[in-house]
Amino acid sequence: MDFSTVIILVAAAVIVVGVFTVLISLRIRVAKAARRIRTQRQAAKTALWASAVVADMQGDEASGNAAKARLTLTLDVSPPRGEPYQATAVWLVDRSALHLMAPGSHVPVKLAGAKILPAVHWASYASRQPK
């Protein structure tokens, strides 16, 4: 084997390894996202329906997803049982629905333990919540 053949074989091996690395990392991301969605759907099935009023809303314009805005919401939650309370949650909201999230707006929610899940199709619970 001459030197140019060795270089071509090494380059081909590097490309193949790179492609497999990308495919494996994509598969891992898809599996994590599917697991998160299953967990959220299971939590939503057992959650209690409630009503909430948006008391305050702060947006994160640096969100990586152009179609959705990451909003930190202060909600006045009225559970079906018990006293109303105020809580903070982070949701990903379709930018086309931001006008529905103005302070004073009523939003249907589902209560799953300490989580306040959106009960609307244009919003989802953000996986990273403030502590």
N, C-alpha and C. Protein backbone atom coordinates (compact mmCIF):
# COMPACT_ATOMS: atom_id res chain seq x y z
N MET A 1 0.84 -1.18 0.00
CA MET A 1 0.00 0.00 0.00
C MET A 1 0.88 1.24 0.00
N ASP A 2 0.50 2.14 -0.86
CA ASP A 2 1.25 3.39 -0.87
C ASP A 2 0.64 4.38 0.13
N PHE A 3 1.32 5.48 0.32
CA PHE A 3 0.94 6.46 1.34
C PHE A 3 -0.42 7.09 1.06
N SER A 4 -0.75 7.38 -0.18
CA SER A 4 -2.03 8.03 -0.51
C SER A 4 -3.21 7.09 -0.21
N THR A 5 -3.03 5.80 -0.38
CA THR A 5 -4.09 4.84 -0.06
C THR A 5 -4.34 4.81 1.44
N VAL A 6 -3.28 4.85 2.22
CA VAL A 6 -3.41 4.87 3.68
C VAL A 6 -4.15 6.13 4.13
N ILE A 7 -3.81 7.26 3.55
CA ILE A 7 -4.48 8.51 3.91
C ILE A 7 -5.96 8.44 3.57
N ILE A 8 -6.30 7.90 2.42
CA ILE A 8 -7.71 7.77 2.02
C ILE A 8 -8.45 6.84 2.97
N LEU A 9 -7.84 5.74 3.35
CA LEU A 9 -8.48 4.80 4.28
C LEU A 9 -8.68 5.44 5.66
N VAL A 10 -7.69 6.17 6.14
CA VAL A 10 -7.81 6.84 7.43
C VAL A 10 -8.90 7.91 7.37
N ALA A 11 -8.93 8.68 6.30
CA ALA A 11 -9.96 9.71 6.15
C ALA A 11 -11.35 9.07 6.10
N ALA A 12 -11.49 7.97 5.39
CA ALA A 12 -12.78 7.28 5.32
C ALA A 12 -13.19 6.76 6.70
N ALA A 13 -12.24 6.23 7.44
CA ALA A 13 -12.54 5.73 8.79
C ALA A 13 -12.98 6.87 9.70
N VAL A 14 -12.31 8.01 9.62
CA VAL A 14 -12.68 9.17 10.44
C VAL A 14 -14.09 9.63 10.08
N ILE A 15 -14.41 9.67 8.80
CA ILE A 15 -15.75 10.08 8.38
C ILE A 15 -16.81 9.10 8.89
N VAL A 16 -16.55 7.81 8.77
CA VAL A 16 -17.51 6.80 9.24
C VAL A 16 -17.71 6.92 10.75
N VAL A 17 -16.64 7.07 11.49
CA VAL A 17 -16.75 7.22 12.95
C VAL A 17 -17.52 8.50 13.28
N GLY A 18 -17.26 9.58 12.58
CA GLY A 18 -17.99 10.83 12.81
C GLY A 18 -19.47 10.69 12.53
N VAL A 19 -19.83 10.03 11.45
CA VAL A 19 -21.24 9.82 11.12
C VAL A 19 -21.92 8.97 12.18
N PHE A 20 -21.29 7.90 12.59
CA PHE A 20 -21.87 7.05 13.64
C PHE A 20 -22.01 7.80 14.96
N THR A 21 -21.05 8.64 15.29
CA THR A 21 -21.13 9.43 16.52
C THR A 21 -22.33 10.37 16.47
N VAL A 22 -22.53 11.03 15.34
CA VAL A 22 -23.68 11.93 15.19
C VAL A 22 -24.98 11.14 15.28
N LEU A 23 -25.06 10.01 14.62
CA LEU A 23 -26.29 9.20 14.65
C LEU A 23 -26.59 8.70 16.06
N ILE A 24 -25.58 8.27 16.78
CA ILE A 24 -25.79 7.79 18.15
C ILE A 24 -26.23 8.93 19.06
N SER A 25 -25.61 10.10 18.92
CA SER A 25 -26.02 11.23 19.77
C SER A 25 -27.45 11.67 19.45
N LEU A 26 -27.83 11.64 18.18
CA LEU A 26 -29.22 11.96 17.83
C LEU A 26 -30.19 10.95 18.42
N ARG A 27 -29.83 9.69 18.37
CA ARG A 27 -30.69 8.65 18.94
C ARG A 27 -30.86 8.85 20.44
N ILE A 28 -29.79 9.21 21.12
CA ILE A 28 -29.86 9.45 22.57
C ILE A 28 -30.76 10.64 22.86
N ARG A 29 -30.63 11.72 22.08
CA ARG A 29 -31.49 12.89 22.28
C ARG A 29 -32.96 12.56 22.05
N VAL A 30 -33.24 11.80 21.00
CA VAL A 30 -34.63 11.42 20.71
C VAL A 30 -35.18 10.55 21.83
N ALA A 31 -34.38 9.63 22.34
CA ALA A 31 -34.84 8.77 23.44
C ALA A 31 -35.11 9.59 24.70
N LYS A 32 -34.26 10.56 25.01
CA LYS A 32 -34.48 11.41 26.18
C LYS A 32 -35.75 12.24 26.02
N ALA A 33 -35.94 12.79 24.83
CA ALA A 33 -37.15 13.60 24.58
C ALA A 33 -38.40 12.74 24.68
N ALA A 34 -38.35 11.53 24.14
CA ALA A 34 -39.51 10.63 24.22
C ALA A 34 -39.80 10.25 25.66
N ARG A 35 -38.77 10.01 26.45
CA ARG A 35 -38.96 9.68 27.86
C ARG A 35 -39.58 10.85 28.61
N ARG A 36 -39.10 12.07 28.33
CA ARG A 36 -39.65 13.26 28.97
C ARG A 36 -41.12 13.46 28.59
N ILE A 37 -41.45 13.25 27.33
CA ILE A 37 -42.84 13.40 26.88
C ILE A 37 -43.72 12.36 27.53
N ARG A 38 -43.25 11.11 27.63
CA ARG A 38 -44.05 10.06 28.30
C ARG A 38 -44.29 10.42 29.75
N THR A 39 -43.27 10.91 30.43
CA THR A 39 -43.41 11.30 31.83
C THR A 39 -44.41 12.43 31.98
N GLN A 40 -44.33 13.43 31.11
CA GLN A 40 -45.26 14.55 31.19
C GLN A 40 -46.68 14.11 30.89
N ARG A 41 -46.86 13.23 29.92
CA ARG A 41 -48.22 12.74 29.61
C ARG A 41 -48.79 11.93 30.76
N GLN A 42 -47.96 11.11 31.40
CA GLN A 42 -48.42 10.33 32.54
C GLN A 42 -48.81 11.26 33.68
N ALA A 43 -47.99 12.27 33.93
CA ALA A 43 -48.31 13.23 34.99
C ALA A 43 -49.59 13.98 34.66
N ALA A 44 -49.79 14.31 33.40
CA ALA A 44 -51.00 15.04 33.00
C ALA A 44 -52.25 14.18 33.17
N LYS A 45 -52.13 12.87 33.00
CA LYS A 45 -53.29 11.98 33.15
C LYS A 45 -53.79 11.96 34.59
N THR A 46 -52.88 12.00 35.53
CA THR A 46 -53.25 11.90 36.94
C THR A 46 -53.41 13.26 37.60
N ALA A 47 -53.20 14.31 36.85
CA ALA A 47 -53.24 15.66 37.42
C ALA A 47 -54.67 16.14 37.62
N LEU A 48 -54.82 17.10 38.53
CA LEU A 48 -56.11 17.73 38.80
C LEU A 48 -56.27 18.97 37.93
N TRP A 49 -57.45 19.13 37.35
CA TRP A 49 -57.75 20.34 36.59
C TRP A 49 -57.93 21.50 37.55
N ALA A 50 -57.44 22.66 37.15
CA ALA A 50 -57.59 23.87 37.96
C ALA A 50 -57.60 25.08 37.04
N SER A 51 -57.85 26.21 37.63
CA SER A 51 -57.83 27.46 36.89
C SER A 51 -56.73 28.34 37.47
N ALA A 52 -56.13 29.13 36.61
CA ALA A 52 -55.07 30.03 37.07
C ALA A 52 -55.22 31.37 36.36
N VAL A 53 -54.79 32.40 37.05
CA VAL A 53 -54.76 33.75 36.47
C VAL A 53 -53.30 34.18 36.42
N VAL A 54 -52.88 34.68 35.28
CA VAL A 54 -51.50 35.15 35.13
C VAL A 54 -51.34 36.45 35.92
N ALA A 55 -50.53 36.40 36.98
CA ALA A 55 -50.28 37.60 37.79
C ALA A 55 -49.10 38.39 37.23
N ASP A 56 -48.08 37.66 36.74
CA ASP A 56 -46.91 38.31 36.17
C ASP A 56 -46.28 37.37 35.16
N MET A 57 -45.60 37.95 34.19
CA MET A 57 -45.00 37.15 33.13
C MET A 57 -43.69 37.81 32.73
N GLN A 58 -42.63 37.00 32.68
CA GLN A 58 -41.34 37.50 32.21
C GLN A 58 -40.83 36.55 31.15
N GLY A 59 -40.44 37.10 30.01
CA GLY A 59 -39.99 36.27 28.89
C GLY A 59 -38.49 36.18 28.82
N ASP A 60 -38.04 35.09 28.23
CA ASP A 60 -36.62 34.86 27.99
C ASP A 60 -36.42 34.92 26.48
N GLU A 61 -36.02 36.06 25.98
CA GLU A 61 -35.86 36.24 24.54
C GLU A 61 -34.66 35.46 23.99
N ALA A 62 -33.80 34.98 24.87
CA ALA A 62 -32.61 34.25 24.43
C ALA A 62 -32.91 32.77 24.22
N SER A 63 -34.18 32.42 24.18
CA SER A 63 -34.57 31.03 24.00
C SER A 63 -34.03 30.50 22.68
N GLY A 64 -33.56 29.27 22.68
CA GLY A 64 -33.01 28.68 21.48
C GLY A 64 -34.05 28.30 20.46
N ASN A 65 -35.31 28.21 20.85
CA ASN A 65 -36.37 27.80 19.95
C ASN A 65 -37.12 29.03 19.46
N ALA A 66 -37.02 29.34 18.18
CA ALA A 66 -37.64 30.55 17.64
C ALA A 66 -39.15 30.49 17.65
N ALA A 67 -39.74 29.30 17.59
CA ALA A 67 -41.19 29.17 17.54
C ALA A 67 -41.84 29.30 18.92
N LYS A 68 -41.06 29.10 19.96
CA LYS A 68 -41.60 29.14 21.32
C LYS A 68 -40.82 30.13 22.18
N ALA A 69 -41.54 30.78 23.07
CA ALA A 69 -40.91 31.69 24.03
C ALA A 69 -40.89 31.01 25.40
N ARG A 70 -39.81 31.15 26.11
CA ARG A 70 -39.69 30.59 27.46
C ARG A 70 -40.15 31.67 28.43
N LEU A 71 -41.28 31.42 29.10
CA LEU A 71 -41.88 32.41 30.00
C LEU A 71 -41.82 31.93 31.44
N THR A 72 -41.40 32.82 32.32
CA THR A 72 -41.49 32.57 33.75
C THR A 72 -42.78 33.25 34.21
N LEU A 73 -43.72 32.43 34.66
CA LEU A 73 -45.05 32.92 35.00
C LEU A 73 -45.26 32.89 36.51
N THR A 74 -45.87 33.94 37.02
CA THR A 74 -46.38 33.94 38.38
C THR A 74 -47.89 33.77 38.23
N LEU A 75 -48.41 32.67 38.77
CA LEU A 75 -49.81 32.31 38.58
C LEU A 75 -50.55 32.33 39.90
N ASP A 76 -51.77 32.86 39.88
CA ASP A 76 -52.70 32.74 41.01
C ASP A 76 -53.55 31.51 40.72
N VAL A 77 -53.24 30.40 41.39
CA VAL A 77 -53.86 29.11 41.11
C VAL A 77 -55.06 28.89 42.02
N SER A 78 -56.18 28.47 41.42
CA SER A 78 -57.39 28.13 42.19
C SER A 78 -57.64 26.63 42.03
N PRO A 79 -57.15 25.82 42.98
CA PRO A 79 -57.34 24.37 42.86
C PRO A 79 -58.80 23.99 43.13
N PRO A 80 -59.22 22.80 42.67
CA PRO A 80 -60.60 22.38 42.92
C PRO A 80 -60.88 22.16 44.40
N ARG A 81 -59.86 21.79 45.15
CA ARG A 81 -59.99 21.63 46.60
C ARG A 81 -58.89 22.44 47.26
N GLY A 82 -59.21 23.12 48.31
CA GLY A 82 -58.20 23.88 49.03
C GLY A 82 -58.23 25.36 48.67
N GLU A 83 -57.33 26.07 49.30
CA GLU A 83 -57.26 27.52 49.16
C GLU A 83 -56.46 27.91 47.90
N PRO A 84 -56.82 29.03 47.29
CA PRO A 84 -56.01 29.54 46.18
C PRO A 84 -54.60 29.91 46.66
N TYR A 85 -53.65 29.82 45.78
CA TYR A 85 -52.27 30.15 46.13
C TYR A 85 -51.55 30.71 44.91
N GLN A 86 -50.39 31.31 45.16
CA GLN A 86 -49.58 31.87 44.08
C GLN A 86 -48.35 30.98 43.90
N ALA A 87 -48.01 30.72 42.65
CA ALA A 87 -46.86 29.86 42.34
C ALA A 87 -46.17 30.36 41.08
N THR A 88 -44.93 29.93 40.92
CA THR A 88 -44.15 30.29 39.74
C THR A 88 -43.88 29.03 38.93
N ALA A 89 -44.01 29.15 37.62
CA ALA A 89 -43.73 28.04 36.71
C ALA A 89 -43.10 28.59 35.44
N VAL A 90 -42.34 27.73 34.77
CA VAL A 90 -41.74 28.11 33.50
C VAL A 90 -42.39 27.26 32.41
N TRP A 91 -42.95 27.92 31.43
CA TRP A 91 -43.60 27.25 30.31
C TRP A 91 -42.95 27.68 29.01
N LEU A 92 -43.05 26.82 28.01
CA LEU A 92 -42.68 27.17 26.64
C LEU A 92 -43.99 27.45 25.91
N VAL A 93 -44.14 28.67 25.43
CA VAL A 93 -45.40 29.11 24.83
C VAL A 93 -45.16 29.46 23.37
N ASP A 94 -46.07 28.98 22.50
CA ASP A 94 -45.99 29.36 21.09
C ASP A 94 -46.00 30.88 20.99
N ARG A 95 -45.11 31.41 20.19
CA ARG A 95 -45.04 32.87 20.06
C ARG A 95 -46.34 33.44 19.50
N SER A 96 -47.06 32.65 18.70
CA SER A 96 -48.33 33.12 18.16
C SER A 96 -49.42 33.22 19.23
N ALA A 97 -49.19 32.64 20.41
CA ALA A 97 -50.19 32.66 21.48
C ALA A 97 -49.77 33.55 22.65
N LEU A 98 -48.73 34.32 22.50
CA LEU A 98 -48.26 35.17 23.60
C LEU A 98 -49.32 36.16 24.07
N HIS A 99 -50.18 36.60 23.16
CA HIS A 99 -51.23 37.55 23.55
C HIS A 99 -52.23 36.92 24.52
N LEU A 100 -52.27 35.60 24.60
CA LEU A 100 -53.16 34.90 25.53
C LEU A 100 -52.58 34.82 26.94
N MET A 101 -51.33 35.24 27.11
CA MET A 101 -50.64 35.10 28.40
C MET A 101 -50.42 36.44 29.09
N ALA A 102 -51.18 37.44 28.74
CA ALA A 102 -51.03 38.76 29.38
C ALA A 102 -51.45 38.68 30.84
N PRO A 103 -50.86 39.50 31.71
CA PRO A 103 -51.30 39.53 33.10
C PRO A 103 -52.81 39.78 33.19
N GLY A 104 -53.46 38.98 34.03
CA GLY A 104 -54.92 39.04 34.17
C GLY A 104 -55.64 37.99 33.36
N SER A 105 -54.92 37.31 32.47
CA SER A 105 -55.54 36.27 31.64
C SER A 105 -55.80 35.01 32.45
N HIS A 106 -56.92 34.36 32.17
CA HIS A 106 -57.24 33.07 32.78
C HIS A 106 -56.66 31.96 31.91
N VAL A 107 -56.02 30.99 32.55
CA VAL A 107 -55.39 29.89 31.83
C VAL A 107 -55.78 28.58 32.52
N PRO A 108 -56.30 27.59 31.78
CA PRO A 108 -56.55 26.30 32.40
C PRO A 108 -55.23 25.57 32.66
N VAL A 109 -55.13 24.96 33.82
CA VAL A 109 -53.91 24.25 34.20
C VAL A 109 -54.27 22.89 34.78
N LYS A 110 -53.25 22.06 34.88
CA LYS A 110 -53.37 20.78 35.58
C LYS A 110 -52.32 20.76 36.68
N LEU A 111 -52.73 20.34 37.86
CA LEU A 111 -51.83 20.29 39.00
C LEU A 111 -51.35 18.86 39.20
N ALA A 112 -50.05 18.66 39.07
CA ALA A 112 -49.44 17.35 39.24
C ALA A 112 -48.37 17.49 40.32
N GLY A 113 -48.78 17.29 41.55
CA GLY A 113 -47.85 17.50 42.66
C GLY A 113 -47.51 18.97 42.74
N ALA A 114 -46.22 19.28 42.72
CA ALA A 114 -45.79 20.68 42.78
C ALA A 114 -45.76 21.33 41.39
N LYS A 115 -45.94 20.54 40.35
CA LYS A 115 -45.89 21.07 38.99
C LYS A 115 -47.23 21.68 38.59
N ILE A 116 -47.14 22.79 37.89
CA ILE A 116 -48.33 23.42 37.31
C ILE A 116 -48.18 23.29 35.80
N LEU A 117 -48.93 22.34 35.24
CA LEU A 117 -48.83 22.02 33.82
C LEU A 117 -49.85 22.83 33.03
N PRO A 118 -49.48 23.32 31.86
CA PRO A 118 -50.47 24.01 31.03
C PRO A 118 -51.46 22.99 30.46
N ALA A 119 -52.73 23.36 30.44
CA ALA A 119 -53.78 22.49 29.88
C ALA A 119 -54.27 23.08 28.56
N VAL A 120 -53.36 23.61 27.80
CA VAL A 120 -53.66 24.20 26.49
C VAL A 120 -52.66 23.65 25.48
N HIS A 121 -53.07 23.58 24.22
CA HIS A 121 -52.20 22.97 23.21
C HIS A 121 -51.03 23.87 22.79
N TRP A 122 -51.10 25.15 23.08
CA TRP A 122 -50.08 26.08 22.61
C TRP A 122 -48.98 26.34 23.66
N ALA A 123 -48.98 25.58 24.73
CA ALA A 123 -47.94 25.74 25.76
C ALA A 123 -47.52 24.38 26.28
N SER A 124 -46.29 24.30 26.75
CA SER A 124 -45.80 23.07 27.37
C SER A 124 -44.95 23.43 28.58
N TYR A 125 -44.83 22.48 29.47
CA TYR A 125 -44.05 22.65 30.70
C TYR A 125 -42.58 22.59 30.36
N ALA A 126 -41.81 23.57 30.79
CA ALA A 126 -40.37 23.57 30.53
C ALA A 126 -39.69 22.58 31.46
N SER A 127 -38.75 21.84 30.94
CA SER A 127 -38.10 20.81 31.74
C SER A 127 -37.22 21.40 32.84
N ARG A 128 -36.69 22.59 32.62
CA ARG A 128 -35.85 23.24 33.64
C ARG A 128 -36.65 24.32 34.33
N GLN A 129 -36.90 24.13 35.61
CA GLN A 129 -37.68 25.06 36.40
C GLN A 129 -36.76 25.80 37.37
N PRO A 130 -37.14 27.01 37.79
CA PRO A 130 -36.32 27.72 38.78
C PRO A 130 -36.41 27.02 40.12
N LYS A 131 -35.33 27.15 40.91
CA LYS A 131 -35.32 26.49 42.22
C LYS A 131 -35.69 27.44 43.30
